[in-house]
């Protein structure tokens, strides 16, 4: 009888030990109940192309302005193994400058200088879904949420310059691929798409400013695609 009690005690102890080990191994990136923060940067591209009605030189200028650099921060908290909530901030930055573009107008030839310094700030509350793989070392997760975009562009043509700024609601989506390299720290690759249209903006030339409301056919598409590389740190639950 004593042997039976001893065997039962050993089985119970082994079960508790295995359970504790499984709990310890389940605390990787984006674990249930884990708060995480991340930072990332990479290239970004505005979706809308310059219209074909523009002169080839001007069209090329604006198409080059479509590509830039994005950087940002992100945080979240998973309430279980698959669902979480958080927020993301990103900034898209692009600049372009050309000198002496040749413009022919009514048989007259003009040489003009153009420059643009554009920034778009985006803030989004997010809902996340996660698929853990490789004993939670690898995580694939997606997110979606409403976004608010703040647009600013300082443009210059010939010797005149002006600042254009505005804001717009939008939609933010993303896909994460993260791998834990050391405890609590993961490398992250992220692709995201932000959809928004600018319907009005304020023009300020230093002497006066005016609000310009666009017709629907003239809405400015400020949607973009970002590819980011970064790191994520997880504050693990004890």
C-alpha atoms as a PDB file:
ATOM      1  CA  UNK A   1       0.000   0.000   0.000  1.00  0.00           C
ATOM      2  CA  UNK A   2       2.837   2.364   0.791  1.00  0.00           C
ATOM      3  CA  UNK A   3       4.306   1.649  -2.634  1.00  0.00           C
ATOM      4  CA  UNK A   4       1.043   2.731  -4.286  1.00  0.00           C
ATOM      5  CA  UNK A   5       1.062   6.022  -2.352  1.00  0.00           C
ATOM      6  CA  UNK A   6       4.709   6.559  -3.308  1.00  0.00           C
ATOM      7  CA  UNK A   7       3.973   5.943  -7.024  1.00  0.00           C
ATOM      8  CA  UNK A   8       0.999   8.366  -6.918  1.00  0.00           C
ATOM      9  CA  UNK A   9       3.152  11.056  -5.284  1.00  0.00           C
ATOM     10  CA  UNK A  10       5.889  10.622  -7.935  1.00  0.00           C
ATOM     11  CA  UNK A  11       3.339  10.846 -10.781  1.00  0.00           C
ATOM     12  CA  UNK A  12       1.800  14.011  -9.299  1.00  0.00           C
ATOM     13  CA  UNK A  13       5.230  15.613  -8.851  1.00  0.00           C
ATOM     14  CA  UNK A  14       6.176  14.792 -12.446  1.00  0.00           C
ATOM     15  CA  UNK A  15       2.926  16.241 -13.753  1.00  0.00           C
ATOM     16  CA  UNK A  16       3.439  19.487 -11.831  1.00  0.00           C
ATOM     17  CA  UNK A  17       7.032  19.708 -13.109  1.00  0.00           C
ATOM     18  CA  UNK A  18       5.977  19.266 -16.759  1.00  0.00           C
ATOM     19  CA  UNK A  19       3.174  21.810 -16.332  1.00  0.00           C
ATOM     20  CA  UNK A  20       5.593  24.373 -14.882  1.00  0.00           C
ATOM     21  CA  UNK A  21       8.027  23.833 -17.764  1.00  0.00           C
ATOM     22  CA  UNK A  22       5.250  24.343 -20.321  1.00  0.00           C
ATOM     23  CA  UNK A  23       4.223  27.583 -18.611  1.00  0.00           C
ATOM     24  CA  UNK A  24       7.807  28.824 -18.672  1.00  0.00           C
ATOM     25  CA  UNK A  25       8.129  28.080 -22.401  1.00  0.00           C
ATOM     26  CA  UNK A  26       4.844  29.817 -23.239  1.00  0.00           C
ATOM     27  CA  UNK A  27       6.149  33.237 -22.199  1.00  0.00           C
ATOM     28  CA  UNK A  28       7.723  34.261 -25.493  1.00  0.00           C
ATOM     29  CA  UNK A  29       6.945  37.179 -27.792  1.00  0.00           C
ATOM     30  CA  UNK A  30       3.392  38.532 -27.544  1.00  0.00           C
ATOM     31  CA  UNK A  31       2.375  36.020 -24.881  1.00  0.00           C
ATOM     32  CA  UNK A  32      -1.019  36.019 -23.237  1.00  0.00           C
ATOM     33  CA  UNK A  33      -0.992  38.726 -20.608  1.00  0.00           C
ATOM     34  CA  UNK A  34       2.290  40.193 -21.918  1.00  0.00           C
ATOM     35  CA  UNK A  35       2.849  43.869 -22.639  1.00  0.00           C
ATOM     36  CA  UNK A  36       5.173  44.519 -25.586  1.00  0.00           C
ATOM     37  CA  UNK A  37       6.689  47.568 -27.250  1.00  0.00           C
ATOM     38  CA  UNK A  38       8.449  47.820 -30.590  1.00  0.00           C
ATOM     39  CA  UNK A  39      10.249  50.243 -32.873  1.00  0.00           C
ATOM     40  CA  UNK A  40      10.747  49.854 -36.624  1.00  0.00           C
ATOM     41  CA  UNK A  41      11.854  51.714 -39.724  1.00  0.00           C
ATOM     42  CA  UNK A  42      12.022  51.074 -43.459  1.00  0.00           C
ATOM     43  CA  UNK A  43      10.987  52.235 -46.925  1.00  0.00           C
ATOM     44  CA  UNK A  44       7.497  53.410 -47.808  1.00  0.00           C
ATOM     45  CA  UNK A  45       5.617  54.217 -51.014  1.00  0.00           C
ATOM     46  CA  UNK A  46       2.619  56.435 -51.691  1.00  0.00           C
ATOM     47  CA  UNK A  47       0.087  54.536 -53.800  1.00  0.00           C
ATOM     48  CA  UNK A  48      -1.135  57.287 -56.130  1.00  0.00           C
ATOM     49  CA  UNK A  49       0.881  57.998 -59.270  1.00  0.00           C
ATOM     50  CA  UNK A  50       1.236  61.393 -60.903  1.00  0.00           C
ATOM     51  CA  UNK A  51      -1.375  61.934 -63.657  1.00  0.00           C
ATOM     52  CA  UNK A  52      -0.316  61.306 -67.244  1.00  0.00           C
ATOM     53  CA  UNK A  53      -1.588  64.774 -68.212  1.00  0.00           C
ATOM     54  CA  UNK A  54       1.498  66.378 -66.602  1.00  0.00           C
ATOM     55  CA  UNK A  55       4.649  67.140 -68.534  1.00  0.00           C
ATOM     56  CA  UNK A  56       7.050  64.160 -68.439  1.00  0.00           C
ATOM     57  CA  UNK A  57       9.601  66.091 -66.329  1.00  0.00           C
ATOM     58  CA  UNK A  58       6.959  67.176 -63.796  1.00  0.00           C
ATOM     59  CA  UNK A  59       5.403  63.707 -63.779  1.00  0.00           C
ATOM     60  CA  UNK A  60       8.790  62.133 -63.070  1.00  0.00           C
ATOM     61  CA  UNK A  61       9.360  64.621 -60.224  1.00  0.00           C
ATOM     62  CA  UNK A  62       6.103  63.730 -58.462  1.00  0.00           C
ATOM     63  CA  UNK A  63       6.519  59.994 -59.018  1.00  0.00           C
ATOM     64  CA  UNK A  64       9.937  60.134 -57.325  1.00  0.00           C
ATOM     65  CA  UNK A  65       8.289  61.988 -54.445  1.00  0.00           C
ATOM     66  CA  UNK A  66       6.096  58.922 -53.867  1.00  0.00           C
ATOM     67  CA  UNK A  67       8.949  56.930 -52.312  1.00  0.00           C
ATOM     68  CA  UNK A  68      10.294  57.786 -48.877  1.00  0.00           C
ATOM     69  CA  UNK A  69      11.129  56.448 -45.434  1.00  0.00           C
ATOM     70  CA  UNK A  70       8.881  55.460 -42.550  1.00  0.00           C
ATOM     71  CA  UNK A  71       9.628  55.010 -38.857  1.00  0.00           C
ATOM     72  CA  UNK A  72       7.476  54.472 -35.808  1.00  0.00           C
ATOM     73  CA  UNK A  73       6.594  52.845 -32.517  1.00  0.00           C
ATOM     74  CA  UNK A  74       4.030  50.240 -31.536  1.00  0.00           C
ATOM     75  CA  UNK A  75       2.694  48.727 -28.325  1.00  0.00           C
ATOM     76  CA  UNK A  76       0.133  46.118 -27.438  1.00  0.00           C
ATOM     77  CA  UNK A  77      -1.258  43.724 -24.837  1.00  0.00           C
ATOM     78  CA  UNK A  78      -2.603  40.249 -25.589  1.00  0.00           C
ATOM     79  CA  UNK A  79      -5.567  39.256 -23.431  1.00  0.00           C
ATOM     80  CA  UNK A  80      -5.182  35.597 -24.485  1.00  0.00           C
ATOM     81  CA  UNK A  81      -3.022  33.520 -26.831  1.00  0.00           C
ATOM     82  CA  UNK A  82      -4.624  34.928 -29.971  1.00  0.00           C
ATOM     83  CA  UNK A  83      -6.225  38.367 -29.452  1.00  0.00           C
ATOM     84  CA  UNK A  84      -4.713  41.657 -28.326  1.00  0.00           C
ATOM     85  CA  UNK A  85      -5.146  45.425 -28.376  1.00  0.00           C
ATOM     86  CA  UNK A  86      -2.685  48.264 -28.782  1.00  0.00           C
ATOM     87  CA  UNK A  87      -1.679  51.373 -30.692  1.00  0.00           C
ATOM     88  CA  UNK A  88       0.746  52.360 -33.433  1.00  0.00           C
ATOM     89  CA  UNK A  89       2.417  55.625 -34.446  1.00  0.00           C
ATOM     90  CA  UNK A  90       4.339  56.105 -37.685  1.00  0.00           C
ATOM     91  CA  UNK A  91       5.833  58.948 -39.703  1.00  0.00           C
ATOM     92  CA  UNK A  92       6.403  58.919 -43.452  1.00  0.00           C
ATOM     93  CA  UNK A  93       9.042  61.332 -44.739  1.00  0.00           C
ATOM     94  CA  UNK A  94       9.919  62.109 -48.367  1.00  0.00           C
ATOM     95  CA  UNK A  95      11.841  64.923 -50.042  1.00  0.00           C
ATOM     96  CA  UNK A  96      12.524  65.862 -53.632  1.00  0.00           C
ATOM     97  CA  UNK A  97      14.319  68.725 -55.332  1.00  0.00           C
ATOM     98  CA  UNK A  98      15.093  69.478 -58.967  1.00  0.00           C
ATOM     99  CA  UNK A  99      16.721  72.492 -60.583  1.00  0.00           C
ATOM    100  CA  UNK A 100      16.103  74.045 -63.969  1.00  0.00           C
ATOM    101  CA  UNK A 101      13.225  71.953 -65.267  1.00  0.00           C
ATOM    102  CA  UNK A 102      12.540  73.089 -68.818  1.00  0.00           C
ATOM    103  CA  UNK A 103       8.904  74.139 -69.323  1.00  0.00           C
ATOM    104  CA  UNK A 104       7.584  75.301 -72.673  1.00  0.00           C
ATOM    105  CA  UNK A 105       4.515  77.525 -72.476  1.00  0.00           C
ATOM    106  CA  UNK A 106       3.048  79.232 -75.556  1.00  0.00           C
ATOM    107  CA  UNK A 107       6.327  78.800 -77.427  1.00  0.00           C
ATOM    108  CA  UNK A 108       8.238  80.365 -74.548  1.00  0.00           C
ATOM    109  CA  UNK A 109      10.791  78.318 -72.609  1.00  0.00           C
ATOM    110  CA  UNK A 110      11.057  78.685 -68.829  1.00  0.00           C
ATOM    111  CA  UNK A 111      13.488  77.134 -66.357  1.00  0.00           C
ATOM    112  CA  UNK A 112      11.937  76.431 -62.969  1.00  0.00           C
ATOM    113  CA  UNK A 113      13.135  74.957 -59.670  1.00  0.00           C
ATOM    114  CA  UNK A 114      10.913  72.656 -57.635  1.00  0.00           C
ATOM    115  CA  UNK A 115      11.259  71.207 -54.145  1.00  0.00           C
ATOM    116  CA  UNK A 116       9.000  69.393 -51.684  1.00  0.00           C
ATOM    117  CA  UNK A 117       9.439  68.316 -48.069  1.00  0.00           C
ATOM    118  CA  UNK A 118       6.510  66.055 -47.126  1.00  0.00           C
ATOM    119  CA  UNK A 119       5.706  64.392 -43.797  1.00  0.00           C
ATOM    120  CA  UNK A 120       2.658  62.302 -42.886  1.00  0.00           C
ATOM    121  CA  UNK A 121       2.102  61.345 -39.227  1.00  0.00           C
ATOM    122  CA  UNK A 122      -0.271  58.455 -38.505  1.00  0.00           C
ATOM    123  CA  UNK A 123      -1.803  57.363 -35.193  1.00  0.00           C
ATOM    124  CA  UNK A 124      -3.876  54.164 -34.969  1.00  0.00           C
ATOM    125  CA  UNK A 125      -5.551  52.160 -32.193  1.00  0.00           C
ATOM    126  CA  UNK A 126      -5.191  48.519 -33.209  1.00  0.00           C
ATOM    127  CA  UNK A 127      -6.824  45.105 -32.726  1.00  0.00           C
ATOM    128  CA  UNK A 128      -4.377  42.207 -33.154  1.00  0.00           C
ATOM    129  CA  UNK A 129      -4.687  38.533 -33.995  1.00  0.00           C
ATOM    130  CA  UNK A 130      -1.741  36.160 -33.490  1.00  0.00           C
ATOM    131  CA  UNK A 131      -0.607  32.730 -34.650  1.00  0.00           C
ATOM    132  CA  UNK A 132       2.271  31.341 -32.494  1.00  0.00           C
ATOM    133  CA  UNK A 133       4.669  28.901 -34.145  1.00  0.00           C
ATOM    134  CA  UNK A 134       7.823  26.942 -33.211  1.00  0.00           C
ATOM    135  CA  UNK A 135       6.986  26.830 -29.504  1.00  0.00           C
ATOM    136  CA  UNK A 136       6.199  30.569 -29.617  1.00  0.00           C
ATOM    137  CA  UNK A 137       9.673  31.449 -30.901  1.00  0.00           C
ATOM    138  CA  UNK A 138       8.113  32.555 -34.179  1.00  0.00           C
ATOM    139  CA  UNK A 139       4.946  34.649 -34.252  1.00  0.00           C
ATOM    140  CA  UNK A 140       2.783  35.709 -37.171  1.00  0.00           C
ATOM    141  CA  UNK A 141       0.294  38.421 -36.282  1.00  0.00           C
ATOM    142  CA  UNK A 142      -2.004  40.842 -38.056  1.00  0.00           C
ATOM    143  CA  UNK A 143      -3.647  44.062 -37.000  1.00  0.00           C
ATOM    144  CA  UNK A 144      -6.366  46.448 -38.123  1.00  0.00           C
ATOM    145  CA  UNK A 145      -7.781  49.690 -36.791  1.00  0.00           C
ATOM    146  CA  UNK A 146      -8.967  53.212 -37.575  1.00  0.00           C
ATOM    147  CA  UNK A 147      -6.251  55.756 -38.318  1.00  0.00           C
ATOM    148  CA  UNK A 148      -5.845  59.512 -38.208  1.00  0.00           C
ATOM    149  CA  UNK A 149      -3.333  61.064 -40.581  1.00  0.00           C
ATOM    150  CA  UNK A 150      -1.690  64.488 -40.259  1.00  0.00           C
ATOM    151  CA  UNK A 151      -0.258  65.763 -43.540  1.00  0.00           C
ATOM    152  CA  UNK A 152       2.314  68.523 -44.102  1.00  0.00           C
ATOM    153  CA  UNK A 153       4.153  69.509 -47.253  1.00  0.00           C
ATOM    154  CA  UNK A 154       6.480  72.481 -47.690  1.00  0.00           C
ATOM    155  CA  UNK A 155       6.672  73.145 -51.406  1.00  0.00           C
ATOM    156  CA  UNK A 156       8.682  75.600 -53.441  1.00  0.00           C
ATOM    157  CA  UNK A 157       8.343  76.589 -57.103  1.00  0.00           C
ATOM    158  CA  UNK A 158      10.747  79.131 -58.624  1.00  0.00           C
ATOM    159  CA  UNK A 159      11.161  81.590 -55.705  1.00  0.00           C
ATOM    160  CA  UNK A 160       7.764  81.134 -54.063  1.00  0.00           C
ATOM    161  CA  UNK A 161       7.209  78.709 -51.180  1.00  0.00           C
ATOM    162  CA  UNK A 162       4.173  77.657 -49.181  1.00  0.00           C
ATOM    163  CA  UNK A 163       3.178  75.095 -46.562  1.00  0.00           C
ATOM    164  CA  UNK A 164       0.228  72.803 -47.139  1.00  0.00           C
ATOM    165  CA  UNK A 165      -1.222  70.928 -44.179  1.00  0.00           C
ATOM    166  CA  UNK A 166      -4.318  68.946 -43.350  1.00  0.00           C
ATOM    167  CA  UNK A 167      -5.663  65.853 -41.602  1.00  0.00           C
ATOM    168  CA  UNK A 168      -7.795  62.915 -42.575  1.00  0.00           C
ATOM    169  CA  UNK A 169      -9.332  59.752 -41.084  1.00  0.00           C
ATOM    170  CA  UNK A 170      -8.271  56.447 -42.596  1.00  0.00           C
ATOM    171  CA  UNK A 171      -7.750  52.731 -42.057  1.00  0.00           C
ATOM    172  CA  UNK A 172      -4.539  51.021 -40.939  1.00  0.00           C
ATOM    173  CA  UNK A 173      -3.699  47.347 -41.521  1.00  0.00           C
ATOM    174  CA  UNK A 174      -0.480  45.431 -40.874  1.00  0.00           C
ATOM    175  CA  UNK A 175       1.170  42.021 -40.816  1.00  0.00           C
ATOM    176  CA  UNK A 176       4.007  41.088 -38.410  1.00  0.00           C
ATOM    177  CA  UNK A 177       6.567  38.296 -38.650  1.00  0.00           C
ATOM    178  CA  UNK A 178       8.657  38.130 -35.456  1.00  0.00           C
ATOM    179  CA  UNK A 179      11.307  35.770 -34.145  1.00  0.00           C
ATOM    180  CA  UNK A 180      12.662  35.731 -30.584  1.00  0.00           C
ATOM    181  CA  UNK A 181      16.482  35.832 -30.680  1.00  0.00           C
ATOM    182  CA  UNK A 182      17.041  36.096 -26.905  1.00  0.00           C
ATOM    183  CA  UNK A 183      14.557  36.030 -24.015  1.00  0.00           C
ATOM    184  CA  UNK A 184      12.194  39.019 -24.194  1.00  0.00           C
ATOM    185  CA  UNK A 185      13.741  40.428 -27.408  1.00  0.00           C
ATOM    186  CA  UNK A 186      12.526  39.673 -30.947  1.00  0.00           C
ATOM    187  CA  UNK A 187      13.442  40.730 -34.458  1.00  0.00           C
ATOM    188  CA  UNK A 188      10.429  41.948 -36.429  1.00  0.00           C
ATOM    189  CA  UNK A 189       9.529  42.328 -40.115  1.00  0.00           C
ATOM    190  CA  UNK A 190       6.332  44.227 -40.822  1.00  0.00           C
ATOM    191  CA  UNK A 191       4.294  45.112 -43.877  1.00  0.00           C
ATOM    192  CA  UNK A 192       1.502  47.654 -43.564  1.00  0.00           C
ATOM    193  CA  UNK A 193      -1.067  49.439 -45.698  1.00  0.00           C
ATOM    194  CA  UNK A 194      -2.665  52.747 -44.691  1.00  0.00           C
ATOM    195  CA  UNK A 195      -5.695  53.968 -46.653  1.00  0.00           C
ATOM    196  CA  UNK A 196      -6.755  57.637 -46.567  1.00  0.00           C
ATOM    197  CA  UNK A 197      -7.825  60.559 -48.766  1.00  0.00           C
ATOM    198  CA  UNK A 198      -7.142  64.238 -48.083  1.00  0.00           C
ATOM    199  CA  UNK A 199     -10.359  66.194 -48.727  1.00  0.00           C
ATOM    200  CA  UNK A 200      -9.199  69.654 -47.670  1.00  0.00           C
ATOM    201  CA  UNK A 201      -6.007  71.399 -46.636  1.00  0.00           C
ATOM    202  CA  UNK A 202      -4.712  74.743 -45.398  1.00  0.00           C
ATOM    203  CA  UNK A 203      -2.310  76.729 -47.576  1.00  0.00           C
ATOM    204  CA  UNK A 204       0.064  79.104 -45.782  1.00  0.00           C
ATOM    205  CA  UNK A 205       2.579  81.221 -47.733  1.00  0.00           C
ATOM    206  CA  UNK A 206       3.840  83.188 -44.731  1.00  0.00           C
ATOM    207  CA  UNK A 207       1.647  86.191 -45.413  1.00  0.00           C
ATOM    208  CA  UNK A 208      -1.802  84.621 -45.457  1.00  0.00           C
ATOM    209  CA  UNK A 209      -3.463  81.255 -45.198  1.00  0.00           C
ATOM    210  CA  UNK A 210      -6.620  79.805 -46.643  1.00  0.00           C
ATOM    211  CA  UNK A 211      -8.564  76.580 -46.344  1.00  0.00           C
ATOM    212  CA  UNK A 212      -9.046  74.821 -49.665  1.00  0.00           C
ATOM    213  CA  UNK A 213     -11.811  72.222 -49.911  1.00  0.00           C
ATOM    214  CA  UNK A 214     -11.383  69.756 -52.747  1.00  0.00           C
ATOM    215  CA  UNK A 215     -14.087  68.339 -54.954  1.00  0.00           C
ATOM    216  CA  UNK A 216     -14.494  64.581 -54.767  1.00  0.00           C
ATOM    217  CA  UNK A 217     -12.743  64.030 -58.106  1.00  0.00           C
ATOM    218  CA  UNK A 218      -9.745  66.000 -56.790  1.00  0.00           C
ATOM    219  CA  UNK A 219      -9.344  64.254 -53.412  1.00  0.00           C
ATOM    220  CA  UNK A 220      -5.650  63.621 -52.775  1.00  0.00           C
ATOM    221  CA  UNK A 221      -4.883  59.961 -52.205  1.00  0.00           C
ATOM    222  CA  UNK A 222      -2.328  59.749 -49.372  1.00  0.00           C
ATOM    223  CA  UNK A 223      -2.615  55.953 -49.007  1.00  0.00           C
ATOM    224  CA  UNK A 224       0.706  54.168 -48.759  1.00  0.00           C
ATOM    225  CA  UNK A 225       2.504  50.839 -48.301  1.00  0.00           C
ATOM    226  CA  UNK A 226       5.289  50.484 -45.716  1.00  0.00           C
ATOM    227  CA  UNK A 227       7.908  47.773 -45.234  1.00  0.00           C
ATOM    228  CA  UNK A 228       9.582  47.967 -41.811  1.00  0.00           C
ATOM    229  CA  UNK A 229      12.328  46.180 -39.887  1.00  0.00           C
ATOM    230  CA  UNK A 230      12.693  46.506 -36.127  1.00  0.00           C
ATOM    231  CA  UNK A 231      12.832  45.025 -32.663  1.00  0.00           C
ATOM    232  CA  UNK A 232      10.193  44.125 -30.082  1.00  0.00           C
ATOM    233  CA  UNK A 233      10.643  43.874 -26.320  1.00  0.00           C
ATOM    234  CA  UNK A 234       8.193  41.887 -24.208  1.00  0.00           C
ATOM    235  CA  UNK A 235       7.537  42.562 -20.526  1.00  0.00           C
ATOM    236  CA  UNK A 236       6.769  39.049 -19.434  1.00  0.00           C
ATOM    237  CA  UNK A 237       4.226  38.243 -16.810  1.00  0.00           C
ATOM    238  CA  UNK A 238       5.742  36.650 -13.748  1.00  0.00           C
END
